[in-house]
Amino acid sequence: MRQTTYEIKTHDAVSLLTGAFTAATTDIITDSSHGLSHGAKVRLTTSDTLPAGLALLTDYYLVEVTANTFKLAINKPANSTDTYDVVDITDTGTGTQTWTVAGTSDGVLVEDYRHKELTVALAGMGASDSVTVKVKGSSREEMVDFGDVKSATNPWDYMGLVDQEAGDAIAGDTGIVMADTDDVKKLAINVDGIRWMAVEIAAQTDTGNTTVTTFLSLYND
């Protein structure tokens, strides 16, 4: 009898949204009608210099969210009452500042589980819309930066998948591509000796309406 031992939501109805923002030394980020929610993970870019206290290639999590403002924390709050560490912003930076919802989830420690399964659920899809989801894995003792490119010093690779409905094998570099209509897909993940895993929304044609929810289910026989 199969016993499910762990399930984690790796994307919670997200889109690969992006937007420009301004920052204040009160630590408040302003972007009118930004459309983000508490706990969303973002990365930042700039045309010149980020506000002091913020950094490139760094995951930040939204807290104290209103319709037009939010603050950024360096740790992910499980809920709105969780403790978090707000970034101390000490100047407003120069140039255009941009946030982008991070397509890659946080890494998950999976080595204690024999079977790994990915569930992808789409909502708001229309004709000609498409979403591509991939799974990243690493056997390194310490977790790698799944949000950065893979390299000799940041070793990870895409994991092969098997469609549980059709039985088709899907190359890791290709990922599962879903198009045109709302759907739910369940996929077995082919792994051998993988210690860490993350889920990536690799591509999304419609970020205005479509949302993507993903789960990792980990279990032993």
C-alpha atoms as a PDB file:
ATOM      1  CA  MET A   1       0.000   0.000   0.000  1.00  0.00           C
ATOM      2  CA  ARG A   2       1.382   3.385  -0.990  1.00  0.00           C
ATOM      3  CA  GLN A   3       1.827   5.851   1.837  1.00  0.00           C
ATOM      4  CA  THR A   4       2.123   9.490   0.855  1.00  0.00           C
ATOM      5  CA  THR A   5       4.556  11.069   3.277  1.00  0.00           C
ATOM      6  CA  TYR A   6       5.126  14.570   1.989  1.00  0.00           C
ATOM      7  CA  GLU A   7       3.465  16.987  -0.414  1.00  0.00           C
ATOM      8  CA  ILE A   8       4.624  20.533  -1.043  1.00  0.00           C
ATOM      9  CA  LYS A   9       3.047  23.257  -3.179  1.00  0.00           C
ATOM     10  CA  THR A  10       5.969  24.610  -5.191  1.00  0.00           C
ATOM     11  CA  HIS A  11       3.973  27.254  -7.125  1.00  0.00           C
ATOM     12  CA  ASP A  12       0.773  28.716  -5.733  1.00  0.00           C
ATOM     13  CA  ALA A  13      -1.346  29.991  -8.659  1.00  0.00           C
ATOM     14  CA  VAL A  14       1.442  32.187 -10.014  1.00  0.00           C
ATOM     15  CA  SER A  15       2.220  33.859 -13.328  1.00  0.00           C
ATOM     16  CA  LEU A  16       5.584  35.012 -14.653  1.00  0.00           C
ATOM     17  CA  LEU A  17       4.635  38.617 -14.022  1.00  0.00           C
ATOM     18  CA  THR A  18       7.076  41.517 -14.109  1.00  0.00           C
ATOM     19  CA  GLY A  19       6.813  45.174 -13.203  1.00  0.00           C
ATOM     20  CA  ALA A  20       8.713  48.365 -12.431  1.00  0.00           C
ATOM     21  CA  PHE A  21       8.960  49.636  -8.866  1.00  0.00           C
ATOM     22  CA  THR A  22      10.287  52.431  -6.700  1.00  0.00           C
ATOM     23  CA  ALA A  23      11.796  51.930  -3.255  1.00  0.00           C
ATOM     24  CA  ALA A  24      11.803  54.141  -0.177  1.00  0.00           C
ATOM     25  CA  THR A  25      14.099  54.188   2.843  1.00  0.00           C
ATOM     26  CA  THR A  26      11.054  53.113   4.865  1.00  0.00           C
ATOM     27  CA  ASP A  27      11.636  49.704   3.166  1.00  0.00           C
ATOM     28  CA  ILE A  28       8.367  50.093   1.234  1.00  0.00           C
ATOM     29  CA  ILE A  29       8.296  49.035  -2.437  1.00  0.00           C
ATOM     30  CA  THR A  30       5.690  50.810  -4.559  1.00  0.00           C
ATOM     31  CA  ASP A  31       4.200  49.506  -7.806  1.00  0.00           C
ATOM     32  CA  SER A  32       0.590  50.452  -8.477  1.00  0.00           C
ATOM     33  CA  SER A  33      -1.734  47.435  -8.927  1.00  0.00           C
ATOM     34  CA  HIS A  34       1.223  45.032  -8.928  1.00  0.00           C
ATOM     35  CA  GLY A  35      -0.982  41.912  -8.692  1.00  0.00           C
ATOM     36  CA  LEU A  36       1.341  40.014  -6.348  1.00  0.00           C
ATOM     37  CA  SER A  37       0.432  38.143  -3.174  1.00  0.00           C
ATOM     38  CA  HIS A  38       1.977  37.490   0.229  1.00  0.00           C
ATOM     39  CA  GLY A  39       4.913  35.089   0.009  1.00  0.00           C
ATOM     40  CA  ALA A  40       5.482  35.468  -3.749  1.00  0.00           C
ATOM     41  CA  LYS A  41       9.143  35.006  -4.708  1.00  0.00           C
ATOM     42  CA  VAL A  42      10.771  37.628  -6.927  1.00  0.00           C
ATOM     43  CA  ARG A  43      14.164  38.556  -8.315  1.00  0.00           C
ATOM     44  CA  LEU A  44      15.244  42.091  -9.170  1.00  0.00           C
ATOM     45  CA  THR A  45      16.950  43.797 -12.092  1.00  0.00           C
ATOM     46  CA  THR A  46      17.917  47.395 -12.764  1.00  0.00           C
ATOM     47  CA  SER A  47      18.949  49.620 -15.659  1.00  0.00           C
ATOM     48  CA  ASP A  48      21.542  51.263 -13.379  1.00  0.00           C
ATOM     49  CA  THR A  49      21.873  50.722  -9.595  1.00  0.00           C
ATOM     50  CA  LEU A  50      19.498  48.870  -7.273  1.00  0.00           C
ATOM     51  CA  PRO A  51      18.436  50.581  -4.048  1.00  0.00           C
ATOM     52  CA  ALA A  52      21.058  49.942  -1.363  1.00  0.00           C
ATOM     53  CA  GLY A  53      20.213  46.818   0.625  1.00  0.00           C
ATOM     54  CA  LEU A  54      18.894  44.946  -2.417  1.00  0.00           C
ATOM     55  CA  ALA A  55      20.920  42.645  -4.665  1.00  0.00           C
ATOM     56  CA  LEU A  56      20.772  40.955  -8.054  1.00  0.00           C
ATOM     57  CA  LEU A  57      20.454  37.133  -8.412  1.00  0.00           C
ATOM     58  CA  THR A  58      18.790  36.963  -5.001  1.00  0.00           C
ATOM     59  CA  ASP A  59      15.418  35.514  -4.002  1.00  0.00           C
ATOM     60  CA  TYR A  60      13.122  37.866  -2.071  1.00  0.00           C
ATOM     61  CA  TYR A  61       9.675  37.120  -0.653  1.00  0.00           C
ATOM     62  CA  LEU A  62       6.778  39.571  -0.483  1.00  0.00           C
ATOM     63  CA  VAL A  63       5.425  40.587   2.929  1.00  0.00           C
ATOM     64  CA  GLU A  64       3.106  43.317   4.224  1.00  0.00           C
ATOM     65  CA  VAL A  65       1.410  43.371   0.830  1.00  0.00           C
ATOM     66  CA  THR A  66      -1.220  45.939  -0.182  1.00  0.00           C
ATOM     67  CA  ALA A  67      -2.720  46.611  -3.611  1.00  0.00           C
ATOM     68  CA  ASN A  68       0.070  49.045  -4.475  1.00  0.00           C
ATOM     69  CA  THR A  69       2.956  48.344  -2.065  1.00  0.00           C
ATOM     70  CA  PHE A  70       4.899  45.588  -0.365  1.00  0.00           C
ATOM     71  CA  LYS A  71       8.106  44.918   1.533  1.00  0.00           C
ATOM     72  CA  LEU A  72      10.729  42.317   0.704  1.00  0.00           C
ATOM     73  CA  ALA A  73      11.984  39.659   3.105  1.00  0.00           C
ATOM     74  CA  ILE A  74      15.001  37.396   2.811  1.00  0.00           C
ATOM     75  CA  ASN A  75      13.186  34.394   4.276  1.00  0.00           C
ATOM     76  CA  LYS A  76       9.946  32.836   3.078  1.00  0.00           C
ATOM     77  CA  PRO A  77       7.029  33.301   5.496  1.00  0.00           C
ATOM     78  CA  ALA A  78       4.707  30.307   5.664  1.00  0.00           C
ATOM     79  CA  ASN A  79       1.763  32.616   6.363  1.00  0.00           C
ATOM     80  CA  SER A  80       0.991  36.242   7.133  1.00  0.00           C
ATOM     81  CA  THR A  81       1.749  35.805  10.851  1.00  0.00           C
ATOM     82  CA  ASP A  82       5.130  34.090  10.407  1.00  0.00           C
ATOM     83  CA  THR A  83       8.312  35.849  11.490  1.00  0.00           C
ATOM     84  CA  TYR A  84      10.329  37.304   8.613  1.00  0.00           C
ATOM     85  CA  ASP A  85      13.334  39.571   8.091  1.00  0.00           C
ATOM     86  CA  VAL A  86      12.491  42.660   6.039  1.00  0.00           C
ATOM     87  CA  VAL A  87      15.298  44.015   3.864  1.00  0.00           C
ATOM     88  CA  ASP A  88      16.659  47.329   5.156  1.00  0.00           C
ATOM     89  CA  ILE A  89      16.613  49.698   2.167  1.00  0.00           C
ATOM     90  CA  THR A  90      18.902  52.682   2.754  1.00  0.00           C
ATOM     91  CA  ASP A  91      18.633  54.605  -0.531  1.00  0.00           C
ATOM     92  CA  THR A  92      16.322  54.688  -3.549  1.00  0.00           C
ATOM     93  CA  GLY A  93      18.807  53.610  -6.220  1.00  0.00           C
ATOM     94  CA  THR A  94      19.107  55.009  -9.735  1.00  0.00           C
ATOM     95  CA  GLY A  95      17.611  54.037 -13.064  1.00  0.00           C
ATOM     96  CA  THR A  96      14.591  51.796 -13.635  1.00  0.00           C
ATOM     97  CA  GLN A  97      14.041  49.066 -11.020  1.00  0.00           C
ATOM     98  CA  THR A  98      12.188  45.896 -12.040  1.00  0.00           C
ATOM     99  CA  TRP A  99      10.801  42.873 -10.167  1.00  0.00           C
ATOM    100  CA  THR A 100      10.030  39.552 -11.867  1.00  0.00           C
ATOM    101  CA  VAL A 101       8.260  36.596 -10.300  1.00  0.00           C
ATOM    102  CA  ALA A 102      10.862  33.848 -10.031  1.00  0.00           C
ATOM    103  CA  GLY A 103       9.924  30.950 -12.297  1.00  0.00           C
ATOM    104  CA  THR A 104      11.951  28.437 -10.266  1.00  0.00           C
ATOM    105  CA  SER A 105      10.594  27.261  -6.921  1.00  0.00           C
ATOM    106  CA  ASP A 106      12.605  26.905  -3.746  1.00  0.00           C
ATOM    107  CA  GLY A 107      14.665  23.728  -3.576  1.00  0.00           C
ATOM    108  CA  VAL A 108      13.161  20.708  -1.812  1.00  0.00           C
ATOM    109  CA  LEU A 109      15.152  17.976  -0.049  1.00  0.00           C
ATOM    110  CA  VAL A 110      13.909  14.732  -1.640  1.00  0.00           C
ATOM    111  CA  GLU A 111      16.570  12.091  -0.966  1.00  0.00           C
ATOM    112  CA  ASP A 112      14.575  10.265   1.727  1.00  0.00           C
ATOM    113  CA  TYR A 113      11.748   9.391  -0.668  1.00  0.00           C
ATOM    114  CA  ARG A 114      11.745   6.632  -3.242  1.00  0.00           C
ATOM    115  CA  HIS A 115       9.051   8.067  -5.529  1.00  0.00           C
ATOM    116  CA  LYS A 116       8.650  11.642  -6.734  1.00  0.00           C
ATOM    117  CA  GLU A 117       5.623  12.935  -8.614  1.00  0.00           C
ATOM    118  CA  LEU A 118       4.878  16.341 -10.146  1.00  0.00           C
ATOM    119  CA  THR A 119       1.365  17.759 -10.470  1.00  0.00           C
ATOM    120  CA  VAL A 120       0.777  20.787 -12.723  1.00  0.00           C
ATOM    121  CA  ALA A 121      -2.589  22.586 -12.704  1.00  0.00           C
ATOM    122  CA  LEU A 122      -3.427  25.486 -15.029  1.00  0.00           C
ATOM    123  CA  ALA A 123      -6.243  28.023 -14.765  1.00  0.00           C
ATOM    124  CA  GLY A 124      -7.276  30.824 -17.102  1.00  0.00           C
ATOM    125  CA  MET A 125      -5.870  29.254 -20.269  1.00  0.00           C
ATOM    126  CA  GLY A 126      -7.181  30.328 -23.662  1.00  0.00           C
ATOM    127  CA  ALA A 127      -6.685  29.298 -27.269  1.00  0.00           C
ATOM    128  CA  SER A 128      -3.019  29.481 -28.326  1.00  0.00           C
ATOM    129  CA  ASP A 129      -1.838  29.890 -24.710  1.00  0.00           C
ATOM    130  CA  SER A 130       0.914  27.566 -23.525  1.00  0.00           C
ATOM    131  CA  VAL A 131       2.931  26.830 -20.400  1.00  0.00           C
ATOM    132  CA  THR A 132       6.127  24.790 -20.079  1.00  0.00           C
ATOM    133  CA  VAL A 133       7.140  23.287 -16.730  1.00  0.00           C
ATOM    134  CA  LYS A 134      10.418  21.511 -15.967  1.00  0.00           C
ATOM    135  CA  VAL A 135      11.978  19.822 -12.933  1.00  0.00           C
ATOM    136  CA  LYS A 136      15.543  20.517 -11.819  1.00  0.00           C
ATOM    137  CA  GLY A 137      17.620  18.147  -9.702  1.00  0.00           C
ATOM    138  CA  SER A 138      20.991  18.056  -7.985  1.00  0.00           C
ATOM    139  CA  SER A 139      22.876  15.370  -6.055  1.00  0.00           C
ATOM    140  CA  ARG A 140      25.145  17.878  -4.330  1.00  0.00           C
ATOM    141  CA  GLU A 141      25.356  17.722  -0.528  1.00  0.00           C
ATOM    142  CA  GLU A 142      24.496  21.415  -0.142  1.00  0.00           C
ATOM    143  CA  MET A 143      21.608  22.895  -2.103  1.00  0.00           C
ATOM    144  CA  VAL A 144      22.614  24.620  -5.330  1.00  0.00           C
ATOM    145  CA  ASP A 145      21.135  27.868  -6.657  1.00  0.00           C
ATOM    146  CA  PHE A 146      18.391  26.475  -8.893  1.00  0.00           C
ATOM    147  CA  GLY A 147      17.527  30.019 -10.002  1.00  0.00           C
ATOM    148  CA  ASP A 148      20.963  30.512 -11.545  1.00  0.00           C
ATOM    149  CA  VAL A 149      22.476  28.837 -14.610  1.00  0.00           C
ATOM    150  CA  LYS A 150      23.946  25.373 -14.170  1.00  0.00           C
ATOM    151  CA  SER A 151      27.736  25.146 -14.153  1.00  0.00           C
ATOM    152  CA  ALA A 152      30.643  23.206 -12.696  1.00  0.00           C
ATOM    153  CA  THR A 153      30.268  25.213  -9.484  1.00  0.00           C
ATOM    154  CA  ASN A 154      26.433  25.183  -9.525  1.00  0.00           C
ATOM    155  CA  PRO A 155      25.700  21.628 -10.712  1.00  0.00           C
ATOM    156  CA  TRP A 156      22.093  20.764 -11.492  1.00  0.00           C
ATOM    157  CA  ASP A 157      20.261  19.300 -14.488  1.00  0.00           C
ATOM    158  CA  TYR A 158      16.719  18.853 -15.780  1.00  0.00           C
ATOM    159  CA  MET A 159      14.980  15.616 -14.786  1.00  0.00           C
ATOM    160  CA  GLY A 160      13.151  13.301 -17.183  1.00  0.00           C
ATOM    161  CA  LEU A 161       9.374  12.945 -16.720  1.00  0.00           C
ATOM    162  CA  VAL A 162       6.763  10.304 -17.531  1.00  0.00           C
ATOM    163  CA  ASP A 163       3.202  11.412 -18.280  1.00  0.00           C
ATOM    164  CA  GLN A 164       0.999   9.356 -15.948  1.00  0.00           C
ATOM    165  CA  GLU A 165      -1.959   9.589 -18.357  1.00  0.00           C
ATOM    166  CA  ALA A 166      -0.332   8.689 -21.671  1.00  0.00           C
ATOM    167  CA  GLY A 167       2.776   6.901 -20.411  1.00  0.00           C
ATOM    168  CA  ASP A 168       4.983   9.058 -22.642  1.00  0.00           C
ATOM    169  CA  ALA A 169       8.572   9.723 -21.620  1.00  0.00           C
ATOM    170  CA  ILE A 170       9.454  13.430 -21.672  1.00  0.00           C
ATOM    171  CA  ALA A 171      13.042  14.670 -21.893  1.00  0.00           C
ATOM    172  CA  GLY A 172      14.023  16.890 -18.981  1.00  0.00           C
ATOM    173  CA  ASP A 173      15.265  19.677 -21.251  1.00  0.00           C
ATOM    174  CA  THR A 174      11.887  19.694 -23.019  1.00  0.00           C
ATOM    175  CA  GLY A 175       9.634  19.578 -19.954  1.00  0.00           C
ATOM    176  CA  ILE A 176       5.869  19.213 -19.965  1.00  0.00           C
ATOM    177  CA  VAL A 177       4.183  21.587 -22.434  1.00  0.00           C
ATOM    178  CA  MET A 178       0.465  22.284 -21.848  1.00  0.00           C
ATOM    179  CA  ALA A 179      -1.581  24.356 -24.284  1.00  0.00           C
ATOM    180  CA  ASP A 180      -4.956  25.911 -25.136  1.00  0.00           C
ATOM    181  CA  THR A 181      -7.154  24.824 -22.211  1.00  0.00           C
ATOM    182  CA  ASP A 182      -7.118  24.470 -18.429  1.00  0.00           C
ATOM    183  CA  ASP A 183      -5.739  21.086 -17.477  1.00  0.00           C
ATOM    184  CA  VAL A 184      -4.111  19.047 -14.718  1.00  0.00           C
ATOM    185  CA  LYS A 185      -1.146  16.785 -15.447  1.00  0.00           C
ATOM    186  CA  LYS A 186       0.486  14.239 -13.156  1.00  0.00           C
ATOM    187  CA  LEU A 187       4.002  13.143 -13.994  1.00  0.00           C
ATOM    188  CA  ALA A 188       6.460  10.683 -12.495  1.00  0.00           C
ATOM    189  CA  ILE A 189       9.966  12.109 -12.118  1.00  0.00           C
ATOM    190  CA  ASN A 190      12.884   9.921 -13.201  1.00  0.00           C
ATOM    191  CA  VAL A 191      15.638  10.305 -10.616  1.00  0.00           C
ATOM    192  CA  ASP A 192      18.634   8.332  -9.387  1.00  0.00           C
ATOM    193  CA  GLY A 193      20.600   9.621  -6.421  1.00  0.00           C
ATOM    194  CA  ILE A 194      19.019  13.092  -6.525  1.00  0.00           C
ATOM    195  CA  ARG A 195      19.196  14.969  -3.216  1.00  0.00           C
ATOM    196  CA  TRP A 196      17.552  18.310  -4.104  1.00  0.00           C
ATOM    197  CA  MET A 197      14.768  19.180  -6.506  1.00  0.00           C
ATOM    198  CA  ALA A 198      13.025  22.341  -7.748  1.00  0.00           C
ATOM    199  CA  VAL A 199      10.195  23.032 -10.190  1.00  0.00           C
ATOM    200  CA  GLU A 200      10.537  25.657 -12.919  1.00  0.00           C
ATOM    201  CA  ILE A 201       7.896  27.473 -14.965  1.00  0.00           C
ATOM    202  CA  ALA A 202      10.185  27.692 -17.958  1.00  0.00           C
ATOM    203  CA  ALA A 203       7.823  29.504 -20.348  1.00  0.00           C
ATOM    204  CA  GLN A 204       4.380  31.096 -20.276  1.00  0.00           C
ATOM    205  CA  THR A 205       2.745  32.913 -23.192  1.00  0.00           C
ATOM    206  CA  ASP A 206      -0.127  34.525 -21.269  1.00  0.00           C
ATOM    207  CA  THR A 207       0.876  36.137 -17.963  1.00  0.00           C
ATOM    208  CA  GLY A 208      -2.250  38.277 -17.716  1.00  0.00           C
ATOM    209  CA  ASN A 209      -4.805  35.506 -17.183  1.00  0.00           C
ATOM    210  CA  THR A 210      -3.119  32.124 -16.838  1.00  0.00           C
ATOM    211  CA  THR A 211      -1.922  30.923 -13.431  1.00  0.00           C
ATOM    212  CA  VAL A 212       0.202  27.885 -12.690  1.00  0.00           C
ATOM    213  CA  THR A 213       0.062  25.718  -9.567  1.00  0.00           C
ATOM    214  CA  THR A 214       2.573  22.917  -9.041  1.00  0.00           C
ATOM    215  CA  PHE A 215       2.982  20.247  -6.368  1.00  0.00           C
ATOM    216  CA  LEU A 216       5.736  17.790  -5.564  1.00  0.00           C
ATOM    217  CA  SER A 217       4.447  14.580  -4.000  1.00  0.00           C
ATOM    218  CA  LEU A 218       7.089  12.453  -2.283  1.00  0.00           C
ATOM    219  CA  TYR A 219       6.376   8.987  -0.940  1.00  0.00           C
ATOM    220  CA  ASN A 220       7.721   5.551  -0.153  1.00  0.00           C
ATOM    221  CA  ASP A 221       6.146   2.142  -0.683  1.00  0.00           C
END
